[in-house]
Amino acid sequence: SIILSSLNLTIYIYNINDNNPEFLNRNLTTILYLFYPSLNTIIHTIEIINKDQLNLNIEILNDTYSSYKLQTSLNFAELILIDSIFIDREDYLIIRLWN
């Protein structure tokens, strides 16, 4: 004789990415250097909270001179100078974050 069994199974699918990542820094941060920083200087550390713990994408939208790069970790990103600055100038950077 063959024994048959049955199982009622309900599967719930949830969106595991239901929380947008957030910057913990103020929306507008001004950094003033009274000297020309050297290459590979960490200009600023951007704190991030990501409740979903997924990989983050972060980019600088308007780096006119290609002077900066972002190095990311789970809870922060470092803004690093990658091109020499020999003149006084003001950079207004817009940084976008998503997952």
PDB file of N, CA and C in Angstrom:
ATOM      1  N   SER A   1       0.843  -1.170   0.000  1.00  0.00           N
ATOM      2  CA  SER A   1       0.000   0.000   0.000  1.00  0.00           C
ATOM      3  C   SER A   1       0.893   1.239   0.000  1.00  0.00           C
ATOM      4  N   ILE A   2       0.439   2.265  -0.683  1.00  0.00           N
ATOM      5  CA  ILE A   2       1.173   3.533  -0.783  1.00  0.00           C
ATOM      6  C   ILE A   2       0.555   4.506   0.209  1.00  0.00           C
ATOM      7  N   ILE A   3       1.421   5.102   1.007  1.00  0.00           N
ATOM      8  CA  ILE A   3       0.955   6.084   1.979  1.00  0.00           C
ATOM      9  C   ILE A   3       1.123   7.465   1.366  1.00  0.00           C
ATOM     10  N   LEU A   4       0.063   8.203   1.314  1.00  0.00           N
ATOM     11  CA  LEU A   4       0.090   9.560   0.782  1.00  0.00           C
ATOM     12  C   LEU A   4      -0.151  10.536   1.917  1.00  0.00           C
ATOM     13  N   SER A   5       0.518  11.640   1.831  1.00  0.00           N
ATOM     14  CA  SER A   5       0.264  12.686   2.818  1.00  0.00           C
ATOM     15  C   SER A   5       0.160  14.008   2.082  1.00  0.00           C
ATOM     16  N   SER A   6      -0.471  14.926   2.708  1.00  0.00           N
ATOM     17  CA  SER A   6      -0.607  16.238   2.084  1.00  0.00           C
ATOM     18  C   SER A   6      -0.195  17.306   3.081  1.00  0.00           C
ATOM     19  N   LEU A   7       0.119  18.448   2.549  1.00  0.00           N
ATOM     20  CA  LEU A   7       0.570  19.554   3.380  1.00  0.00           C
ATOM     21  C   LEU A   7      -0.007  20.831   2.804  1.00  0.00           C
ATOM     22  N   ASN A   8      -0.643  21.594   3.637  1.00  0.00           N
ATOM     23  CA  ASN A   8      -1.083  22.926   3.233  1.00  0.00           C
ATOM     24  C   ASN A   8       0.056  23.887   3.532  1.00  0.00           C
ATOM     25  N   LEU A   9       0.515  24.561   2.525  1.00  0.00           N
ATOM     26  CA  LEU A   9       1.668  25.439   2.676  1.00  0.00           C
ATOM     27  C   LEU A   9       1.296  26.827   2.189  1.00  0.00           C
ATOM     28  N   THR A  10       1.530  27.815   3.021  1.00  0.00           N
ATOM     29  CA  THR A  10       1.310  29.206   2.645  1.00  0.00           C
ATOM     30  C   THR A  10       2.654  29.907   2.650  1.00  0.00           C
ATOM     31  N   ILE A  11       2.974  30.573   1.574  1.00  0.00           N
ATOM     32  CA  ILE A  11       4.252  31.282   1.462  1.00  0.00           C
ATOM     33  C   ILE A  11       3.964  32.774   1.432  1.00  0.00           C
ATOM     34  N   TYR A  12       4.613  33.493   2.319  1.00  0.00           N
ATOM     35  CA  TYR A  12       4.494  34.948   2.357  1.00  0.00           C
ATOM     36  C   TYR A  12       5.772  35.544   1.790  1.00  0.00           C
ATOM     37  N   ILE A  13       5.626  36.454   0.881  1.00  0.00           N
ATOM     38  CA  ILE A  13       6.784  37.121   0.289  1.00  0.00           C
ATOM     39  C   ILE A  13       6.737  38.581   0.708  1.00  0.00           C
ATOM     40  N   TYR A  14       7.789  39.010   1.351  1.00  0.00           N
ATOM     41  CA  TYR A  14       7.874  40.394   1.812  1.00  0.00           C
ATOM     42  C   TYR A  14       8.988  41.101   1.061  1.00  0.00           C
ATOM     43  N   ASN A  15       8.825  42.360   0.893  1.00  0.00           N
ATOM     44  CA  ASN A  15       9.862  43.177   0.298  1.00  0.00           C
ATOM     45  C   ASN A  15      10.957  43.371   1.336  1.00  0.00           C
ATOM     46  N   ILE A  16      12.109  42.772   1.105  1.00  0.00           N
ATOM     47  CA  ILE A  16      13.180  42.914   2.091  1.00  0.00           C
ATOM     48  C   ILE A  16      13.857  44.278   1.996  1.00  0.00           C
ATOM     49  N   ASN A  17      13.577  45.012   0.955  1.00  0.00           N
ATOM     50  CA  ASN A  17      14.150  46.343   0.793  1.00  0.00           C
ATOM     51  C   ASN A  17      13.043  47.379   0.972  1.00  0.00           C
ATOM     52  N   ASP A  18      12.483  47.435   2.148  1.00  0.00           N
ATOM     53  CA  ASP A  18      11.372  48.355   2.360  1.00  0.00           C
ATOM     54  C   ASP A  18      11.775  49.628   3.087  1.00  0.00           C
ATOM     55  N   ASN A  19      13.041  49.776   3.376  1.00  0.00           N
ATOM     56  CA  ASN A  19      13.537  50.981   4.043  1.00  0.00           C
ATOM     57  C   ASN A  19      14.580  51.644   3.162  1.00  0.00           C
ATOM     58  N   ASN A  20      14.378  52.891   2.873  1.00  0.00           N
ATOM     59  CA  ASN A  20      15.378  53.630   2.107  1.00  0.00           C
ATOM     60  C   ASN A  20      16.580  53.930   2.987  1.00  0.00           C
ATOM     61  N   PRO A  21      17.781  53.914   2.419  1.00  0.00           N
ATOM     62  CA  PRO A  21      18.947  54.322   3.204  1.00  0.00           C
ATOM     63  C   PRO A  21      18.864  55.808   3.521  1.00  0.00           C
ATOM     64  N   GLU A  22      19.499  56.205   4.612  1.00  0.00           N
ATOM     65  CA  GLU A  22      19.426  57.601   5.043  1.00  0.00           C
ATOM     66  C   GLU A  22      20.813  58.122   5.389  1.00  0.00           C
ATOM     67  N   PHE A  23      21.025  59.405   5.108  1.00  0.00           N
ATOM     68  CA  PHE A  23      22.213  60.093   5.583  1.00  0.00           C
ATOM     69  C   PHE A  23      21.978  60.496   7.030  1.00  0.00           C
ATOM     70  N   LEU A  24      22.963  60.312   7.888  1.00  0.00           N
ATOM     71  CA  LEU A  24      22.849  60.762   9.272  1.00  0.00           C
ATOM     72  C   LEU A  24      23.412  62.164   9.452  1.00  0.00           C
ATOM     73  N   ASN A  25      24.195  62.632   8.484  1.00  0.00           N
ATOM     74  CA  ASN A  25      24.738  63.988   8.535  1.00  0.00           C
ATOM     75  C   ASN A  25      23.646  64.986   8.188  1.00  0.00           C
ATOM     76  N   ARG A  26      23.888  66.209   8.550  1.00  0.00           N
ATOM     77  CA  ARG A  26      22.960  67.271   8.150  1.00  0.00           C
ATOM     78  C   ARG A  26      22.908  67.360   6.634  1.00  0.00           C
ATOM     79  N   ASN A  27      21.801  67.857   6.127  1.00  0.00           N
ATOM     80  CA  ASN A  27      21.603  67.949   4.688  1.00  0.00           C
ATOM     81  C   ASN A  27      22.636  68.850   4.019  1.00  0.00           C
ATOM     82  N   LEU A  28      23.025  69.902   4.678  1.00  0.00           N
ATOM     83  CA  LEU A  28      24.003  70.823   4.109  1.00  0.00           C
ATOM     84  C   LEU A  28      25.197  70.880   5.050  1.00  0.00           C
ATOM     85  N   THR A  29      26.320  70.406   4.587  1.00  0.00           N
ATOM     86  CA  THR A  29      27.531  70.398   5.396  1.00  0.00           C
ATOM     87  C   THR A  29      28.576  71.244   4.687  1.00  0.00           C
ATOM     88  N   THR A  30      29.153  72.191   5.392  1.00  0.00           N
ATOM     89  CA  THR A  30      30.197  73.040   4.835  1.00  0.00           C
ATOM     90  C   THR A  30      31.526  72.633   5.445  1.00  0.00           C
ATOM     91  N   ILE A  31      32.500  72.419   4.596  1.00  0.00           N
ATOM     92  CA  ILE A  31      33.838  72.044   5.042  1.00  0.00           C
ATOM     93  C   ILE A  31      34.790  73.134   4.567  1.00  0.00           C
ATOM     94  N   LEU A  32      35.529  73.702   5.481  1.00  0.00           N
ATOM     95  CA  LEU A  32      36.443  74.787   5.153  1.00  0.00           C
ATOM     96  C   LEU A  32      37.870  74.339   5.447  1.00  0.00           C
ATOM     97  N   TYR A  33      38.728  74.403   4.433  1.00  0.00           N
ATOM     98  CA  TYR A  33      40.142  74.104   4.613  1.00  0.00           C
ATOM     99  C   TYR A  33      40.918  75.402   4.487  1.00  0.00           C
ATOM    100  N   LEU A  34      41.830  75.644   5.406  1.00  0.00           N
ATOM    101  CA  LEU A  34      42.666  76.839   5.359  1.00  0.00           C
ATOM    102  C   LEU A  34      44.010  76.545   4.703  1.00  0.00           C
ATOM    103  N   PHE A  35      44.113  75.393   4.088  1.00  0.00           N
ATOM    104  CA  PHE A  35      45.314  74.978   3.368  1.00  0.00           C
ATOM    105  C   PHE A  35      44.854  74.068   2.234  1.00  0.00           C
ATOM    106  N   TYR A  36      45.745  73.788   1.306  1.00  0.00           N
ATOM    107  CA  TYR A  36      45.407  72.871   0.224  1.00  0.00           C
ATOM    108  C   TYR A  36      45.644  71.448   0.717  1.00  0.00           C
ATOM    109  N   PRO A  37      44.601  70.635   0.822  1.00  0.00           N
ATOM    110  CA  PRO A  37      44.791  69.268   1.323  1.00  0.00           C
ATOM    111  C   PRO A  37      45.579  68.424   0.324  1.00  0.00           C
ATOM    112  N   SER A  38      46.320  67.467   0.841  1.00  0.00           N
ATOM    113  CA  SER A  38      47.118  66.600  -0.024  1.00  0.00           C
ATOM    114  C   SER A  38      46.242  65.503  -0.631  1.00  0.00           C
ATOM    115  N   LEU A  39      46.783  64.844  -1.637  1.00  0.00           N
ATOM    116  CA  LEU A  39      46.060  63.761  -2.299  1.00  0.00           C
ATOM    117  C   LEU A  39      45.713  62.660  -1.308  1.00  0.00           C
ATOM    118  N   ASN A  40      44.614  61.993  -1.556  1.00  0.00           N
ATOM    119  CA  ASN A  40      44.104  60.884  -0.742  1.00  0.00           C
ATOM    120  C   ASN A  40      43.723  61.289   0.674  1.00  0.00           C
ATOM    121  N   THR A  41      43.512  62.577   0.882  1.00  0.00           N
ATOM    122  CA  THR A  41      43.014  63.055   2.168  1.00  0.00           C
ATOM    123  C   THR A  41      41.524  62.746   2.265  1.00  0.00           C
ATOM    124  N   ILE A  42      41.107  62.235   3.413  1.00  0.00           N
ATOM    125  CA  ILE A  42      39.678  62.049   3.660  1.00  0.00           C
ATOM    126  C   ILE A  42      39.118  63.424   4.004  1.00  0.00           C
ATOM    127  N   ILE A  43      38.341  63.964   3.100  1.00  0.00           N
ATOM    128  CA  ILE A  43      37.792  65.307   3.257  1.00  0.00           C
ATOM    129  C   ILE A  43      36.641  65.307   4.255  1.00  0.00           C
ATOM    130  N   HIS A  44      35.812  64.275   4.179  1.00  0.00           N
ATOM    131  CA  HIS A  44      34.633  64.220   5.046  1.00  0.00           C
ATOM    132  C   HIS A  44      34.146  62.776   5.141  1.00  0.00           C
ATOM    133  N   THR A  45      33.611  62.411   6.290  1.00  0.00           N
ATOM    134  CA  THR A  45      32.993  61.100   6.471  1.00  0.00           C
ATOM    135  C   THR A  45      31.483  61.288   6.544  1.00  0.00           C
ATOM    136  N   ILE A  46      30.786  60.573   5.690  1.00  0.00           N
ATOM    137  CA  ILE A  46      29.329  60.661   5.606  1.00  0.00           C
ATOM    138  C   ILE A  46      28.751  59.437   6.298  1.00  0.00           C
ATOM    139  N   GLU A  47      27.989  59.671   7.349  1.00  0.00           N
ATOM    140  CA  GLU A  47      27.386  58.555   8.076  1.00  0.00           C
ATOM    141  C   GLU A  47      26.071  58.160   7.422  1.00  0.00           C
ATOM    142  N   ILE A  48      25.857  56.840   7.329  1.00  0.00           N
ATOM    143  CA  ILE A  48      24.705  56.290   6.620  1.00  0.00           C
ATOM    144  C   ILE A  48      24.020  55.263   7.515  1.00  0.00           C
ATOM    145  N   ILE A  49      22.701  55.209   7.453  1.00  0.00           N
ATOM    146  CA  ILE A  49      21.974  54.129   8.107  1.00  0.00           C
ATOM    147  C   ILE A  49      21.209  53.381   7.022  1.00  0.00           C
ATOM    148  N   ASN A  50      21.342  52.062   7.034  1.00  0.00           N
ATOM    149  CA  ASN A  50      20.687  51.214   6.049  1.00  0.00           C
ATOM    150  C   ASN A  50      20.022  50.066   6.794  1.00  0.00           C
ATOM    151  N   LYS A  51      18.764  50.216   7.125  1.00  0.00           N
ATOM    152  CA  LYS A  51      18.050  49.224   7.934  1.00  0.00           C
ATOM    153  C   LYS A  51      17.904  47.883   7.224  1.00  0.00           C
ATOM    154  N   ASP A  52      17.948  47.868   5.916  1.00  0.00           N
ATOM    155  CA  ASP A  52      17.810  46.616   5.170  1.00  0.00           C
ATOM    156  C   ASP A  52      19.127  45.851   5.042  1.00  0.00           C
ATOM    157  N   GLN A  53      20.229  46.486   5.368  1.00  0.00           N
ATOM    158  CA  GLN A  53      21.549  45.858   5.316  1.00  0.00           C
ATOM    159  C   GLN A  53      21.901  45.332   3.921  1.00  0.00           C
ATOM    160  N   LEU A  54      21.398  45.984   2.908  1.00  0.00           N
ATOM    161  CA  LEU A  54      21.732  45.610   1.537  1.00  0.00           C
ATOM    162  C   LEU A  54      22.877  46.476   1.039  1.00  0.00           C
ATOM    163  N   ASN A  55      23.449  46.070  -0.076  1.00  0.00           N
ATOM    164  CA  ASN A  55      24.524  46.869  -0.655  1.00  0.00           C
ATOM    165  C   ASN A  55      23.990  48.235  -1.057  1.00  0.00           C
ATOM    166  N   LEU A  56      24.768  49.233  -0.754  1.00  0.00           N
ATOM    167  CA  LEU A  56      24.384  50.603  -1.073  1.00  0.00           C
ATOM    168  C   LEU A  56      25.085  51.068  -2.333  1.00  0.00           C
ATOM    169  N   ASN A  57      24.426  51.925  -3.047  1.00  0.00           N
ATOM    170  CA  ASN A  57      25.035  52.630  -4.165  1.00  0.00           C
ATOM    171  C   ASN A  57      25.093  54.093  -3.776  1.00  0.00           C
ATOM    172  N   ILE A  58      26.238  54.678  -3.969  1.00  0.00           N
ATOM    173  CA  ILE A  58      26.414  56.086  -3.627  1.00  0.00           C
ATOM    174  C   ILE A  58      27.273  56.713  -4.717  1.00  0.00           C
ATOM    175  N   GLU A  59      26.901  57.907  -5.124  1.00  0.00           N
ATOM    176  CA  GLU A  59      27.664  58.560  -6.182  1.00  0.00           C
ATOM    177  C   GLU A  59      27.623  60.068  -6.012  1.00  0.00           C
ATOM    178  N   ILE A  60      28.651  60.704  -6.553  1.00  0.00           N
ATOM    179  CA  ILE A  60      28.699  62.161  -6.613  1.00  0.00           C
ATOM    180  C   ILE A  60      28.117  62.550  -7.967  1.00  0.00           C
ATOM    181  N   LEU A  61      27.074  63.354  -7.946  1.00  0.00           N
ATOM    182  CA  LEU A  61      26.383  63.690  -9.192  1.00  0.00           C
ATOM    183  C   LEU A  61      27.054  64.802  -9.984  1.00  0.00           C
ATOM    184  N   ASN A  62      27.794  65.667  -9.323  1.00  0.00           N
ATOM    185  CA  ASN A  62      28.268  66.872 -10.012  1.00  0.00           C
ATOM    186  C   ASN A  62      29.721  67.206  -9.695  1.00  0.00           C
ATOM    187  N   ASP A  63      30.592  66.243  -9.743  1.00  0.00           N
ATOM    188  CA  ASP A  63      32.012  66.489  -9.483  1.00  0.00           C
ATOM    189  C   ASP A  63      32.647  67.062 -10.748  1.00  0.00           C
ATOM    190  N   THR A  64      32.537  68.356 -10.925  1.00  0.00           N
ATOM    191  CA  THR A  64      32.952  69.047 -12.145  1.00  0.00           C
ATOM    192  C   THR A  64      34.412  68.782 -12.502  1.00  0.00           C
ATOM    193  N   TYR A  65      35.282  68.782 -11.519  1.00  0.00           N
ATOM    194  CA  TYR A  65      36.721  68.633 -11.772  1.00  0.00           C
ATOM    195  C   TYR A  65      37.214  67.200 -11.597  1.00  0.00           C
ATOM    196  N   SER A  66      36.330  66.256 -11.309  1.00  0.00           N
ATOM    197  CA  SER A  66      36.709  64.861 -11.016  1.00  0.00           C
ATOM    198  C   SER A  66      37.788  64.811  -9.946  1.00  0.00           C
ATOM    199  N   SER A  67      37.571  65.553  -8.884  1.00  0.00           N
ATOM    200  CA  SER A  67      38.562  65.686  -7.823  1.00  0.00           C
ATOM    201  C   SER A  67      38.338  64.744  -6.651  1.00  0.00           C
ATOM    202  N   TYR A  68      37.199  64.068  -6.613  1.00  0.00           N
ATOM    203  CA  TYR A  68      36.834  63.299  -5.427  1.00  0.00           C
ATOM    204  C   TYR A  68      36.408  61.883  -5.787  1.00  0.00           C
ATOM    205  N   LYS A  69      36.516  61.001  -4.804  1.00  0.00           N
ATOM    206  CA  LYS A  69      35.924  59.671  -4.930  1.00  0.00           C
ATOM    207  C   LYS A  69      35.271  59.332  -3.594  1.00  0.00           C
ATOM    208  N   LEU A  70      34.364  58.381  -3.628  1.00  0.00           N
ATOM    209  CA  LEU A  70      33.699  57.917  -2.419  1.00  0.00           C
ATOM    210  C   LEU A  70      34.130  56.489  -2.144  1.00  0.00           C
ATOM    211  N   GLN A  71      34.579  56.262  -0.939  1.00  0.00           N
ATOM    212  CA  GLN A  71      34.952  54.923  -0.492  1.00  0.00           C
ATOM    213  C   GLN A  71      33.914  54.516   0.548  1.00  0.00           C
ATOM    214  N   THR A  72      33.191  53.429   0.286  1.00  0.00           N
ATOM    215  CA  THR A  72      32.056  53.094   1.140  1.00  0.00           C
ATOM    216  C   THR A  72      32.322  51.891   2.031  1.00  0.00           C
ATOM    217  N   SER A  73      31.614  51.905   3.131  1.00  0.00           N
ATOM    218  CA  SER A  73      31.568  50.801   4.066  1.00  0.00           C
ATOM    219  C   SER A  73      30.095  50.603   4.392  1.00  0.00           C
ATOM    220  N   LEU A  74      29.788  49.729   5.328  1.00  0.00           N
ATOM    221  CA  LEU A  74      28.389  49.445   5.640  1.00  0.00           C
ATOM    222  C   LEU A  74      27.646  50.659   6.179  1.00  0.00           C
ATOM    223  N   ASN A  75      28.281  51.422   7.067  1.00  0.00           N
ATOM    224  CA  ASN A  75      27.584  52.525   7.733  1.00  0.00           C
ATOM    225  C   ASN A  75      28.160  53.904   7.446  1.00  0.00           C
ATOM    226  N   PHE A  76      29.091  53.995   6.524  1.00  0.00           N
ATOM    227  CA  PHE A  76      29.643  55.310   6.209  1.00  0.00           C
ATOM    228  C   PHE A  76      30.286  55.302   4.827  1.00  0.00           C
ATOM    229  N   ALA A  77      30.497  56.501   4.326  1.00  0.00           N
ATOM    230  CA  ALA A  77      31.243  56.697   3.087  1.00  0.00           C
ATOM    231  C   ALA A  77      32.246  57.811   3.342  1.00  0.00           C
ATOM    232  N   GLU A  78      33.436  57.640   2.815  1.00  0.00           N
ATOM    233  CA  GLU A  78      34.469  58.665   2.967  1.00  0.00           C
ATOM    234  C   GLU A  78      34.635  59.399   1.638  1.00  0.00           C
ATOM    235  N   LEU A  79      34.600  60.708   1.715  1.00  0.00           N
ATOM    236  CA  LEU A  79      34.845  61.557   0.555  1.00  0.00           C
ATOM    237  C   LEU A  79      36.347  61.825   0.519  1.00  0.00           C
ATOM    238  N   ILE A  80      37.003  61.360  -0.531  1.00  0.00           N
ATOM    239  CA  ILE A  80      38.465  61.397  -0.604  1.00  0.00           C
ATOM    240  C   ILE A  80      38.898  62.264  -1.785  1.00  0.00           C
ATOM    241  N   LEU A  81      39.888  63.101  -1.543  1.00  0.00           N
ATOM    242  CA  LEU A  81      40.452  63.956  -2.586  1.00  0.00           C
ATOM    243  C   LEU A  81      41.396  63.126  -3.453  1.00  0.00           C
ATOM    244  N   ILE A  82      41.162  63.099  -4.763  1.00  0.00           N
ATOM    245  CA  ILE A  82      42.016  62.301  -5.650  1.00  0.00           C
ATOM    246  C   ILE A  82      42.732  63.143  -6.709  1.00  0.00           C
ATOM    247  N   ASP A  83      42.534  64.460  -6.669  1.00  0.00           N
ATOM    248  CA  ASP A  83      43.211  65.344  -7.615  1.00  0.00           C
ATOM    249  C   ASP A  83      43.730  66.556  -6.850  1.00  0.00           C
ATOM    250  N   SER A  84      44.899  66.998  -7.188  1.00  0.00           N
ATOM    251  CA  SER A  84      45.508  68.126  -6.478  1.00  0.00           C
ATOM    252  C   SER A  84      44.700  69.401  -6.669  1.00  0.00           C
ATOM    253  N   ILE A  85      44.653  70.187  -5.612  1.00  0.00           N
ATOM    254  CA  ILE A  85      44.003  71.498  -5.663  1.00  0.00           C
ATOM    255  C   ILE A  85      45.081  72.542  -5.395  1.00  0.00           C
ATOM    256  N   PHE A  86      45.314  73.409  -6.380  1.00  0.00           N
ATOM    257  CA  PHE A  86      46.356  74.424  -6.238  1.00  0.00           C
ATOM    258  C   PHE A  86      45.807  75.843  -6.283  1.00  0.00           C
ATOM    259  N   ILE A  87      44.499  75.954  -6.377  1.00  0.00           N
ATOM    260  CA  ILE A  87      43.875  77.277  -6.406  1.00  0.00           C
ATOM    261  C   ILE A  87      42.734  77.294  -5.397  1.00  0.00           C
ATOM    262  N   ASP A  88      42.390  78.495  -4.962  1.00  0.00           N
ATOM    263  CA  ASP A  88      41.224  78.616  -4.086  1.00  0.00           C
ATOM    264  C   ASP A  88      39.974  78.344  -4.905  1.00  0.00           C
ATOM    265  N   ARG A  89      39.132  77.471  -4.390  1.00  0.00           N
ATOM    266  CA  ARG A  89      37.894  77.181  -5.095  1.00  0.00           C
ATOM    267  C   ARG A  89      36.859  76.630  -4.134  1.00  0.00           C
ATOM    268  N   GLU A  90      35.637  76.695  -4.586  1.00  0.00           N
ATOM    269  CA  GLU A  90      34.524  76.182  -3.792  1.00  0.00           C
ATOM    270  C   GLU A  90      33.813  75.116  -4.616  1.00  0.00           C
ATOM    271  N   ASP A  91      33.691  73.928  -4.061  1.00  0.00           N
ATOM    272  CA  ASP A  91      32.973  72.845  -4.731  1.00  0.00           C
ATOM    273  C   ASP A  91      31.670  72.598  -3.986  1.00  0.00           C
ATOM    274  N   TYR A  92      30.608  72.528  -4.720  1.00  0.00           N
ATOM    275  CA  TYR A  92      29.298  72.222  -4.147  1.00  0.00           C
ATOM    276  C   TYR A  92      28.918  70.849  -4.679  1.00  0.00           C
ATOM    277  N   LEU A  93      29.026  69.831  -3.839  1.00  0.00           N
ATOM    278  CA  LEU A  93      28.802  68.458  -4.280  1.00  0.00           C
ATOM    279  C   LEU A  93      27.408  67.982  -3.899  1.00  0.00           C
ATOM    280  N   ILE A  94      26.783  67.275  -4.816  1.00  0.00           N
ATOM    281  CA  ILE A  94      25.516  66.602  -4.544  1.00  0.00           C
ATOM    282  C   ILE A  94      25.799  65.106  -4.557  1.00  0.00           C
ATOM    283  N   ILE A  95      25.468  64.451  -3.456  1.00  0.00           N
ATOM    284  CA  ILE A  95      25.749  63.024  -3.305  1.00  0.00           C
ATOM    285  C   ILE A  95      24.426  62.279  -3.218  1.00  0.00           C
ATOM    286  N   ARG A  96      24.277  61.251  -4.044  1.00  0.00           N
ATOM    287  CA  ARG A  96      23.043  60.456  -4.083  1.00  0.00           C
ATOM    288  C   ARG A  96      23.305  59.071  -3.492  1.00  0.00           C
ATOM    289  N   LEU A  97      22.325  58.580  -2.766  1.00  0.00           N
ATOM    290  CA  LEU A  97      22.430  57.302  -2.065  1.00  0.00           C
ATOM    291  C   LEU A  97      21.178  56.486  -2.343  1.00  0.00           C
ATOM    292  N   TRP A  98      21.355  55.217  -2.712  1.00  0.00           N
ATOM    293  CA  TRP A  98      20.206  54.333  -2.910  1.00  0.00           C
ATOM    294  C   TRP A  98      20.662  52.887  -2.752  1.00  0.00           C
ATOM    295  N   ASN A  99      19.675  51.982  -2.652  1.00  0.00           N
ATOM    296  CA  ASN A  99      20.028  50.558  -2.614  1.00  0.00           C
ATOM    297  C   ASN A  99      19.124  49.775  -3.522  1.00  0.00           C
TER     298      ASN A  99
END
